[in-house]
PDB file of all heavy atoms in Angstrom:
ATOM      1  N   PRO A   1       0.811  -1.221   0.000  1.00  0.00           N
ATOM      2  CA  PRO A   1       0.000   0.000   0.000  1.00  0.00           C
ATOM      3  C   PRO A   1       0.842   1.267   0.000  1.00  0.00           C
ATOM      4  O   PRO A   1       0.470   2.256  -0.631  1.00  0.00           O
ATOM      5  CB  PRO A   1      -0.826  -0.119   1.283  1.00  0.00           C
ATOM      6  CG  PRO A   1      -0.888  -1.585   1.560  1.00  0.00           C
ATOM      7  CD  PRO A   1       0.433  -2.127   1.096  1.00  0.00           C
ATOM      8  N   ALA A   2       1.988   1.237   0.699  1.00  0.00           N
ATOM      9  CA  ALA A   2       2.845   2.424   0.749  1.00  0.00           C
ATOM     10  C   ALA A   2       3.419   2.749  -0.624  1.00  0.00           C
ATOM     11  O   ALA A   2       3.530   3.924  -1.004  1.00  0.00           O
ATOM     12  CB  ALA A   2       3.984   2.206   1.752  1.00  0.00           C
ATOM     13  N   VAL A   3       3.777   1.708  -1.391  1.00  0.00           N
ATOM     14  CA  VAL A   3       4.321   1.928  -2.728  1.00  0.00           C
ATOM     15  C   VAL A   3       3.239   2.431  -3.680  1.00  0.00           C
ATOM     16  O   VAL A   3       3.451   3.368  -4.451  1.00  0.00           O
ATOM     17  CB  VAL A   3       4.964   0.640  -3.268  1.00  0.00           C
ATOM     18  CG1 VAL A   3       5.308   0.780  -4.754  1.00  0.00           C
ATOM     19  CG2 VAL A   3       6.221   0.313  -2.472  1.00  0.00           C
ATOM     20  N   LEU A   4       2.070   1.799  -3.628  1.00  0.00           N
ATOM     21  CA  LEU A   4       0.975   2.244  -4.488  1.00  0.00           C
ATOM     22  C   LEU A   4       0.597   3.691  -4.183  1.00  0.00           C
ATOM     23  O   LEU A   4       0.345   4.488  -5.095  1.00  0.00           O
ATOM     24  CB  LEU A   4      -0.240   1.330  -4.317  1.00  0.00           C
ATOM     25  CG  LEU A   4      -0.119  -0.065  -4.932  1.00  0.00           C
ATOM     26  CD1 LEU A   4      -1.320  -0.910  -4.556  1.00  0.00           C
ATOM     27  CD2 LEU A   4       0.008   0.025  -6.446  1.00  0.00           C
ATOM     28  N   GLN A   5       0.561   4.040  -2.913  1.00  0.00           N
ATOM     29  CA  GLN A   5       0.246   5.418  -2.544  1.00  0.00           C
ATOM     30  C   GLN A   5       1.322   6.371  -3.045  1.00  0.00           C
ATOM     31  O   GLN A   5       1.017   7.455  -3.560  1.00  0.00           O
ATOM     32  CB  GLN A   5       0.106   5.551  -1.030  1.00  0.00           C
ATOM     33  CG  GLN A   5      -0.255   6.971  -0.596  1.00  0.00           C
ATOM     34  CD  GLN A   5      -0.368   7.114   0.912  1.00  0.00           C
ATOM     35  OE1 GLN A   5      -0.129   6.168   1.658  1.00  0.00           O
ATOM     36  NE2 GLN A   5      -0.728   8.296   1.374  1.00  0.00           N
ATOM     37  N   LEU A   6       2.580   5.977  -2.909  1.00  0.00           N
ATOM     38  CA  LEU A   6       3.682   6.808  -3.386  1.00  0.00           C
ATOM     39  C   LEU A   6       3.542   7.098  -4.876  1.00  0.00           C
ATOM     40  O   LEU A   6       3.643   8.254  -5.323  1.00  0.00           O
ATOM     41  CB  LEU A   6       5.014   6.105  -3.121  1.00  0.00           C
ATOM     42  CG  LEU A   6       6.252   6.750  -3.742  1.00  0.00           C
ATOM     43  CD1 LEU A   6       6.698   7.950  -2.914  1.00  0.00           C
ATOM     44  CD2 LEU A   6       7.394   5.737  -3.856  1.00  0.00           C
ATOM     45  N   ILE A   7       3.301   6.071  -5.662  1.00  0.00           N
ATOM     46  CA  ILE A   7       3.204   6.251  -7.107  1.00  0.00           C
ATOM     47  C   ILE A   7       1.989   7.083  -7.476  1.00  0.00           C
ATOM     48  O   ILE A   7       2.079   8.005  -8.302  1.00  0.00           O
ATOM     49  CB  ILE A   7       3.166   4.879  -7.808  1.00  0.00           C
ATOM     50  CG1 ILE A   7       4.492   4.143  -7.603  1.00  0.00           C
ATOM     51  CG2 ILE A   7       2.884   5.043  -9.298  1.00  0.00           C
ATOM     52  CD1 ILE A   7       4.504   2.730  -8.163  1.00  0.00           C
ATOM     53  N   MET A   8       0.861   6.802  -6.868  1.00  0.00           N
ATOM     54  CA  MET A   8      -0.355   7.548  -7.206  1.00  0.00           C
ATOM     55  C   MET A   8      -0.243   9.004  -6.760  1.00  0.00           C
ATOM     56  O   MET A   8      -0.654   9.916  -7.496  1.00  0.00           O
ATOM     57  CB  MET A   8      -1.571   6.892  -6.567  1.00  0.00           C
ATOM     58  CG  MET A   8      -1.862   5.498  -7.101  1.00  0.00           C
ATOM     59  SD  MET A   8      -2.099   5.459  -8.894  1.00  0.00           S
ATOM     60  CE  MET A   8      -3.608   6.412  -9.033  1.00  0.00           C
ATOM     61  N   ASP A   9       0.310   9.248  -5.587  1.00  0.00           N
ATOM     62  CA  ASP A   9       0.501  10.628  -5.134  1.00  0.00           C
ATOM     63  C   ASP A   9       1.445  11.374  -6.067  1.00  0.00           C
ATOM     64  O   ASP A   9       1.245  12.552  -6.377  1.00  0.00           O
ATOM     65  CB  ASP A   9       1.053  10.651  -3.706  1.00  0.00           C
ATOM     66  CG  ASP A   9       0.000  10.320  -2.658  1.00  0.00           C
ATOM     67  OD1 ASP A   9      -1.190  10.287  -3.003  1.00  0.00           O
ATOM     68  OD2 ASP A   9       0.386  10.093  -1.492  1.00  0.00           O
ATOM     69  N   SER A  10       2.491  10.677  -6.519  1.00  0.00           N
ATOM     70  CA  SER A  10       3.440  11.298  -7.432  1.00  0.00           C
ATOM     71  C   SER A  10       2.766  11.652  -8.757  1.00  0.00           C
ATOM     72  O   SER A  10       2.907  12.770  -9.266  1.00  0.00           O
ATOM     73  CB  SER A  10       4.627  10.361  -7.675  1.00  0.00           C
ATOM     74  OG  SER A  10       5.449  10.833  -8.723  1.00  0.00           O
ATOM     75  N   LEU A  11       2.034  10.706  -9.324  1.00  0.00           N
ATOM     76  CA  LEU A  11       1.365  10.964 -10.605  1.00  0.00           C
ATOM     77  C   LEU A  11       0.384  12.126 -10.495  1.00  0.00           C
ATOM     78  O   LEU A  11       0.329  13.003 -11.369  1.00  0.00           O
ATOM     79  CB  LEU A  11       0.645   9.701 -11.077  1.00  0.00           C
ATOM     80  CG  LEU A  11       1.532   8.536 -11.523  1.00  0.00           C
ATOM     81  CD1 LEU A  11       0.696   7.276 -11.725  1.00  0.00           C
ATOM     82  CD2 LEU A  11       2.274   8.896 -12.807  1.00  0.00           C
ATOM     83  N   ARG A  12      -0.384  12.129  -9.423  1.00  0.00           N
ATOM     84  CA  ARG A  12      -1.347  13.226  -9.249  1.00  0.00           C
ATOM     85  C   ARG A  12      -0.632  14.561  -9.072  1.00  0.00           C
ATOM     86  O   ARG A  12      -1.105  15.592  -9.558  1.00  0.00           O
ATOM     87  CB  ARG A  12      -2.250  12.950  -8.044  1.00  0.00           C
ATOM     88  CG  ARG A  12      -3.213  11.793  -8.237  1.00  0.00           C
ATOM     89  CD  ARG A  12      -4.242  11.754  -7.112  1.00  0.00           C
ATOM     90  NE  ARG A  12      -4.957  10.500  -7.088  1.00  0.00           N
ATOM     91  CZ  ARG A  12      -4.701   9.503  -6.238  1.00  0.00           C
ATOM     92  NH1 ARG A  12      -3.740   9.649  -5.336  1.00  0.00           N
ATOM     93  NH2 ARG A  12      -5.397   8.390  -6.278  1.00  0.00           N
ATOM     94  N   TYR A  13       0.484  14.557  -8.378  1.00  0.00           N
ATOM     95  CA  TYR A  13       1.238  15.796  -8.188  1.00  0.00           C
ATOM     96  C   TYR A  13       1.686  16.368  -9.535  1.00  0.00           C
ATOM     97  O   TYR A  13       1.510  17.561  -9.807  1.00  0.00           O
ATOM     98  CB  TYR A  13       2.453  15.542  -7.298  1.00  0.00           C
ATOM     99  CG  TYR A  13       3.383  16.733  -7.189  1.00  0.00           C
ATOM    100  CD1 TYR A  13       3.049  17.824  -6.394  1.00  0.00           C
ATOM    101  CD2 TYR A  13       4.578  16.772  -7.898  1.00  0.00           C
ATOM    102  CE1 TYR A  13       3.890  18.926  -6.296  1.00  0.00           C
ATOM    103  CE2 TYR A  13       5.433  17.866  -7.809  1.00  0.00           C
ATOM    104  CZ  TYR A  13       5.079  18.943  -7.011  1.00  0.00           C
ATOM    105  OH  TYR A  13       5.915  20.028  -6.927  1.00  0.00           O
ATOM    106  N   TRP A  14       2.257  15.511 -10.382  1.00  0.00           N
ATOM    107  CA  TRP A  14       2.732  16.001 -11.687  1.00  0.00           C
ATOM    108  C   TRP A  14       1.576  16.425 -12.577  1.00  0.00           C
ATOM    109  O   TRP A  14       1.714  17.353 -13.387  1.00  0.00           O
ATOM    110  CB  TRP A  14       3.576  14.921 -12.369  1.00  0.00           C
ATOM    111  CG  TRP A  14       4.898  14.733 -11.697  1.00  0.00           C
ATOM    112  CD1 TRP A  14       5.231  13.786 -10.778  1.00  0.00           C
ATOM    113  CD2 TRP A  14       6.070  15.550 -11.867  1.00  0.00           C
ATOM    114  NE1 TRP A  14       6.533  13.956 -10.365  1.00  0.00           N
ATOM    115  CE2 TRP A  14       7.071  15.026 -11.015  1.00  0.00           C
ATOM    116  CE3 TRP A  14       6.368  16.658 -12.660  1.00  0.00           C
ATOM    117  CZ2 TRP A  14       8.352  15.578 -10.938  1.00  0.00           C
ATOM    118  CZ3 TRP A  14       7.642  17.206 -12.588  1.00  0.00           C
ATOM    119  CH2 TRP A  14       8.615  16.673 -11.734  1.00  0.00           C
ATOM    120  N   ALA A  15       0.437  15.775 -12.431  1.00  0.00           N
ATOM    121  CA  ALA A  15      -0.725  16.134 -13.244  1.00  0.00           C
ATOM    122  C   ALA A  15      -1.400  17.404 -12.743  1.00  0.00           C
ATOM    123  O   ALA A  15      -1.712  18.306 -13.525  1.00  0.00           O
ATOM    124  CB  ALA A  15      -1.723  14.978 -13.260  1.00  0.00           C
ATOM    125  N   ILE A  16      -1.614  17.492 -11.434  1.00  0.00           N
ATOM    126  CA  ILE A  16      -2.407  18.597 -10.875  1.00  0.00           C
ATOM    127  C   ILE A  16      -1.547  19.827 -10.611  1.00  0.00           C
ATOM    128  O   ILE A  16      -1.911  20.952 -10.976  1.00  0.00           O
ATOM    129  CB  ILE A  16      -3.115  18.138  -9.581  1.00  0.00           C
ATOM    130  CG1 ILE A  16      -4.117  17.018  -9.896  1.00  0.00           C
ATOM    131  CG2 ILE A  16      -3.824  19.319  -8.915  1.00  0.00           C
ATOM    132  CD1 ILE A  16      -4.715  16.367  -8.659  1.00  0.00           C
ATOM    133  N   GLU A  17      -0.399  19.635  -9.970  1.00  0.00           N
ATOM    134  CA  GLU A  17       0.432  20.778  -9.588  1.00  0.00           C
ATOM    135  C   GLU A  17       1.394  21.206 -10.694  1.00  0.00           C
ATOM    136  O   GLU A  17       1.714  22.385 -10.810  1.00  0.00           O
ATOM    137  CB  GLU A  17       1.230  20.441  -8.324  1.00  0.00           C
ATOM    138  CG  GLU A  17       0.366  20.124  -7.113  1.00  0.00           C
ATOM    139  CD  GLU A  17      -0.470  21.321  -6.680  1.00  0.00           C
ATOM    140  OE1 GLU A  17      -0.011  22.473  -6.869  1.00  0.00           O
ATOM    141  OE2 GLU A  17      -1.585  21.106  -6.162  1.00  0.00           O
ATOM    142  N   MET A  18       1.855  20.266 -11.506  1.00  0.00           N
ATOM    143  CA  MET A  18       2.835  20.580 -12.544  1.00  0.00           C
ATOM    144  C   MET A  18       2.224  20.634 -13.941  1.00  0.00           C
ATOM    145  O   MET A  18       2.910  20.961 -14.915  1.00  0.00           O
ATOM    146  CB  MET A  18       3.978  19.553 -12.513  1.00  0.00           C
ATOM    147  CG  MET A  18       4.623  19.401 -11.139  1.00  0.00           C
ATOM    148  SD  MET A  18       5.439  20.909 -10.592  1.00  0.00           S
ATOM    149  CE  MET A  18       7.142  20.540 -10.985  1.00  0.00           C
ATOM    150  N   HIS A  19       0.938  20.261 -14.068  1.00  0.00           N
ATOM    151  CA  HIS A  19       0.148  20.427 -15.294  1.00  0.00           C
ATOM    152  C   HIS A  19       0.624  19.585 -16.474  1.00  0.00           C
ATOM    153  O   HIS A  19       0.376  19.945 -17.630  1.00  0.00           O
ATOM    154  CB  HIS A  19       0.106  21.903 -15.708  1.00  0.00           C
ATOM    155  CG  HIS A  19      -0.756  22.758 -14.844  1.00  0.00           C
ATOM    156  ND1 HIS A  19      -1.391  23.904 -15.287  1.00  0.00           N
ATOM    157  CD2 HIS A  19      -1.098  22.653 -13.528  1.00  0.00           C
ATOM    158  CE1 HIS A  19      -2.064  24.465 -14.308  1.00  0.00           C
ATOM    159  NE2 HIS A  19      -1.901  23.716 -13.219  1.00  0.00           N
ATOM    160  N   VAL A  20       1.299  18.458 -16.225  1.00  0.00           N
ATOM    161  CA  VAL A  20       1.710  17.637 -17.363  1.00  0.00           C
ATOM    162  C   VAL A  20       0.501  16.901 -17.930  1.00  0.00           C
ATOM    163  O   VAL A  20      -0.516  16.719 -17.263  1.00  0.00           O
ATOM    164  CB  VAL A  20       2.830  16.647 -16.988  1.00  0.00           C
ATOM    165  CG1 VAL A  20       4.029  17.389 -16.418  1.00  0.00           C
ATOM    166  CG2 VAL A  20       2.328  15.588 -16.029  1.00  0.00           C
ATOM    167  N   ASP A  21       0.641  16.443 -19.172  1.00  0.00           N
ATOM    168  CA  ASP A  21      -0.501  15.915 -19.922  1.00  0.00           C
ATOM    169  C   ASP A  21      -0.533  14.398 -20.022  1.00  0.00           C
ATOM    170  O   ASP A  21      -1.525  13.827 -20.480  1.00  0.00           O
ATOM    171  CB  ASP A  21      -0.491  16.500 -21.332  1.00  0.00           C
ATOM    172  CG  ASP A  21      -0.495  18.020 -21.316  1.00  0.00           C
ATOM    173  OD1 ASP A  21      -1.563  18.606 -21.108  1.00  0.00           O
ATOM    174  OD2 ASP A  21       0.594  18.620 -21.496  1.00  0.00           O
ATOM    175  N   GLY A  22       0.547  13.748 -19.633  1.00  0.00           N
ATOM    176  CA  GLY A  22       0.558  12.300 -19.735  1.00  0.00           C
ATOM    177  C   GLY A  22       1.878  11.727 -19.276  1.00  0.00           C
ATOM    178  O   GLY A  22       2.828  12.448 -18.946  1.00  0.00           O
ATOM    179  N   PHE A  23       1.926  10.389 -19.269  1.00  0.00           N
ATOM    180  CA  PHE A  23       3.098   9.685 -18.776  1.00  0.00           C
ATOM    181  C   PHE A  23       3.417   8.498 -19.674  1.00  0.00           C
ATOM    182  O   PHE A  23       2.522   7.814 -20.169  1.00  0.00           O
ATOM    183  CB  PHE A  23       2.863   9.175 -17.354  1.00  0.00           C
ATOM    184  CG  PHE A  23       2.501  10.249 -16.372  1.00  0.00           C
ATOM    185  CD1 PHE A  23       1.173  10.514 -16.073  1.00  0.00           C
ATOM    186  CD2 PHE A  23       3.487  10.997 -15.749  1.00  0.00           C
ATOM    187  CE1 PHE A  23       0.826  11.504 -15.169  1.00  0.00           C
ATOM    188  CE2 PHE A  23       3.151  11.993 -14.837  1.00  0.00           C
ATOM    189  CZ  PHE A  23       1.823  12.254 -14.549  1.00  0.00           C
ATOM    190  N   ARG A  24       4.703   8.261 -19.844  1.00  0.00           N
ATOM    191  CA  ARG A  24       5.191   7.029 -20.475  1.00  0.00           C
ATOM    192  C   ARG A  24       5.899   6.260 -19.371  1.00  0.00           C
ATOM    193  O   ARG A  24       6.866   6.736 -18.780  1.00  0.00           O
ATOM    194  CB  ARG A  24       6.124   7.359 -21.631  1.00  0.00           C
ATOM    195  CG  ARG A  24       6.731   6.121 -22.314  1.00  0.00           C
ATOM    196  CD  ARG A  24       8.107   5.803 -21.746  1.00  0.00           C
ATOM    197  NE  ARG A  24       8.821   4.785 -22.504  1.00  0.00           N
ATOM    198  CZ  ARG A  24       9.936   4.194 -22.100  1.00  0.00           C
ATOM    199  NH1 ARG A  24      10.482   4.522 -20.931  1.00  0.00           N
ATOM    200  NH2 ARG A  24      10.522   3.292 -22.836  1.00  0.00           N
ATOM    201  N   PHE A  25       5.415   5.049 -19.064  1.00  0.00           N
ATOM    202  CA  PHE A  25       5.893   4.281 -17.923  1.00  0.00           C
ATOM    203  C   PHE A  25       7.008   3.332 -18.357  1.00  0.00           C
ATOM    204  O   PHE A  25       6.774   2.389 -19.116  1.00  0.00           O
ATOM    205  CB  PHE A  25       4.745   3.507 -17.285  1.00  0.00           C
ATOM    206  CG  PHE A  25       3.708   4.381 -16.644  1.00  0.00           C
ATOM    207  CD1 PHE A  25       2.720   4.992 -17.400  1.00  0.00           C
ATOM    208  CD2 PHE A  25       3.726   4.612 -15.278  1.00  0.00           C
ATOM    209  CE1 PHE A  25       1.765   5.804 -16.815  1.00  0.00           C
ATOM    210  CE2 PHE A  25       2.771   5.425 -14.679  1.00  0.00           C
ATOM    211  CZ  PHE A  25       1.790   6.028 -15.448  1.00  0.00           C
ATOM    212  N   ASP A  26       8.207   3.574 -17.862  1.00  0.00           N
ATOM    213  CA  ASP A  26       9.358   2.746 -18.165  1.00  0.00           C
ATOM    214  C   ASP A  26       9.175   1.345 -17.583  1.00  0.00           C
ATOM    215  O   ASP A  26       8.724   1.190 -16.446  1.00  0.00           O
ATOM    216  CB  ASP A  26      10.616   3.402 -17.576  1.00  0.00           C
ATOM    217  CG  ASP A  26      11.870   2.597 -17.817  1.00  0.00           C
ATOM    218  OD1 ASP A  26      12.265   2.482 -18.980  1.00  0.00           O
ATOM    219  OD2 ASP A  26      12.444   2.094 -16.832  1.00  0.00           O
ATOM    220  N   LEU A  27       9.517   0.316 -18.386  1.00  0.00           N
ATOM    221  CA  LEU A  27       9.418  -1.080 -17.946  1.00  0.00           C
ATOM    222  C   LEU A  27       8.107  -1.325 -17.207  1.00  0.00           C
ATOM    223  O   LEU A  27       8.076  -1.825 -16.079  1.00  0.00           O
ATOM    224  CB  LEU A  27      10.608  -1.451 -17.052  1.00  0.00           C
ATOM    225  CG  LEU A  27      12.000  -1.333 -17.685  1.00  0.00           C
ATOM    226  CD1 LEU A  27      13.073  -1.727 -16.679  1.00  0.00           C
ATOM    227  CD2 LEU A  27      12.122  -2.172 -18.945  1.00  0.00           C
ATOM    228  N   ALA A  28       7.013  -0.982 -17.875  1.00  0.00           N
ATOM    229  CA  ALA A  28       5.715  -0.984 -17.201  1.00  0.00           C
ATOM    230  C   ALA A  28       5.260  -2.374 -16.781  1.00  0.00           C
ATOM    231  O   ALA A  28       4.411  -2.498 -15.892  1.00  0.00           O
ATOM    232  CB  ALA A  28       4.660  -0.346 -18.118  1.00  0.00           C
ATOM    233  N   SER A  29       5.788  -3.413 -17.378  1.00  0.00           N
ATOM    234  CA  SER A  29       5.384  -4.761 -16.961  1.00  0.00           C
ATOM    235  C   SER A  29       5.707  -5.001 -15.488  1.00  0.00           C
ATOM    236  O   SER A  29       4.977  -5.716 -14.791  1.00  0.00           O
ATOM    237  CB  SER A  29       6.086  -5.810 -17.828  1.00  0.00           C
ATOM    238  OG  SER A  29       5.605  -5.768 -19.163  1.00  0.00           O
ATOM    239  N   THR A  30       6.793  -4.406 -15.009  1.00  0.00           N
ATOM    240  CA  THR A  30       7.154  -4.564 -13.597  1.00  0.00           C
ATOM    241  C   THR A  30       6.070  -3.980 -12.696  1.00  0.00           C
ATOM    242  O   THR A  30       5.794  -4.508 -11.609  1.00  0.00           O
ATOM    243  CB  THR A  30       8.505  -3.886 -13.317  1.00  0.00           C
ATOM    244  OG1 THR A  30       9.536  -4.619 -13.987  1.00  0.00           O
ATOM    245  CG2 THR A  30       8.819  -3.849 -11.832  1.00  0.00           C
ATOM    246  N   LEU A  31       5.445  -2.891 -13.142  1.00  0.00           N
ATOM    247  CA  LEU A  31       4.406  -2.264 -12.326  1.00  0.00           C
ATOM    248  C   LEU A  31       3.174  -3.147 -12.211  1.00  0.00           C
ATOM    249  O   LEU A  31       2.363  -2.969 -11.298  1.00  0.00           O
ATOM    250  CB  LEU A  31       4.011  -0.914 -12.936  1.00  0.00           C
ATOM    251  CG  LEU A  31       5.142   0.110 -13.072  1.00  0.00           C
ATOM    252  CD1 LEU A  31       4.627   1.367 -13.759  1.00  0.00           C
ATOM    253  CD2 LEU A  31       5.723   0.453 -11.712  1.00  0.00           C
ATOM    254  N   ALA A  32       3.019  -4.084 -13.141  1.00  0.00           N
ATOM    255  CA  ALA A  32       1.848  -4.959 -13.128  1.00  0.00           C
ATOM    256  C   ALA A  32       2.113  -6.268 -12.398  1.00  0.00           C
ATOM    257  O   ALA A  32       1.253  -7.139 -12.360  1.00  0.00           O
ATOM    258  CB  ALA A  32       1.402  -5.244 -14.562  1.00  0.00           C
ATOM    259  N   ARG A  33       3.305  -6.422 -11.832  1.00  0.00           N
ATOM    260  CA  ARG A  33       3.642  -7.670 -11.136  1.00  0.00           C
ATOM    261  C   ARG A  33       3.299  -7.541  -9.655  1.00  0.00           C
ATOM    262  O   ARG A  33       4.023  -6.907  -8.904  1.00  0.00           O
ATOM    263  CB  ARG A  33       5.132  -7.982 -11.287  1.00  0.00           C
ATOM    264  CG  ARG A  33       5.554  -8.350 -12.704  1.00  0.00           C
ATOM    265  CD  ARG A  33       7.034  -8.669 -12.743  1.00  0.00           C
ATOM    266  NE  ARG A  33       7.505  -8.910 -14.093  1.00  0.00           N
ATOM    267  CZ  ARG A  33       7.534 -10.100 -14.680  1.00  0.00           C
ATOM    268  NH1 ARG A  33       7.104 -11.154 -14.018  1.00  0.00           N
ATOM    269  NH2 ARG A  33       7.997 -10.232 -15.916  1.00  0.00           N
ATOM    270  N   GLU A  34       2.185  -8.149  -9.248  1.00  0.00           N
ATOM    271  CA  GLU A  34       1.859  -8.166  -7.828  1.00  0.00           C
ATOM    272  C   GLU A  34       2.565  -9.328  -7.133  1.00  0.00           C
ATOM    273  O   GLU A  34       3.033  -9.203  -6.014  1.00  0.00           O
ATOM    274  CB  GLU A  34       0.354  -8.268  -7.633  1.00  0.00           C
ATOM    275  CG  GLU A  34      -0.371  -6.989  -8.065  1.00  0.00           C
ATOM    276  CD  GLU A  34      -1.779  -6.937  -7.549  1.00  0.00           C
ATOM    277  OE1 GLU A  34      -2.374  -7.999  -7.318  1.00  0.00           O
ATOM    278  OE2 GLU A  34      -2.292  -5.821  -7.366  1.00  0.00           O
ATOM    279  N   LEU A  35       2.618 -10.453  -7.797  1.00  0.00           N
ATOM    280  CA  LEU A  35       3.357 -11.586  -7.245  1.00  0.00           C
ATOM    281  C   LEU A  35       4.499 -11.926  -8.192  1.00  0.00           C
ATOM    282  O   LEU A  35       5.591 -11.448  -8.066  1.00  0.00           O
ATOM    283  CB  LEU A  35       2.410 -12.782  -7.029  1.00  0.00           C
ATOM    284  CG  LEU A  35       1.332 -12.531  -5.959  1.00  0.00           C
ATOM    285  CD1 LEU A  35       0.334 -13.670  -5.928  1.00  0.00           C
ATOM    286  CD2 LEU A  35       1.995 -12.361  -4.594  1.00  0.00           C
ATOM    287  N   HIS A  36       4.236 -12.736  -9.200  1.00  0.00           N
ATOM    288  CA  HIS A  36       5.294 -13.101 -10.145  1.00  0.00           C
ATOM    289  C   HIS A  36       4.910 -12.717 -11.564  1.00  0.00           C
ATOM    290  O   HIS A  36       5.668 -12.078 -12.277  1.00  0.00           O
ATOM    291  CB  HIS A  36       5.578 -14.607 -10.080  1.00  0.00           C
ATOM    292  CG  HIS A  36       6.638 -15.053 -11.037  1.00  0.00           C
ATOM    293  ND1 HIS A  36       7.977 -14.777 -10.857  1.00  0.00           N
ATOM    294  CD2 HIS A  36       6.549 -15.733 -12.208  1.00  0.00           C
ATOM    295  CE1 HIS A  36       8.675 -15.270 -11.864  1.00  0.00           C
ATOM    296  NE2 HIS A  36       7.825 -15.861 -12.698  1.00  0.00           N
TER     297      HIS A  36
END
């Protein structure tokens, strides 16, 4: 939960406070690995 919160808070910060329009997620398959 701490990692998920960190990532979501970061994304929202760049979107809301920094006004960016999108993200390209490096090695995104790793982000989808909950177990293996």
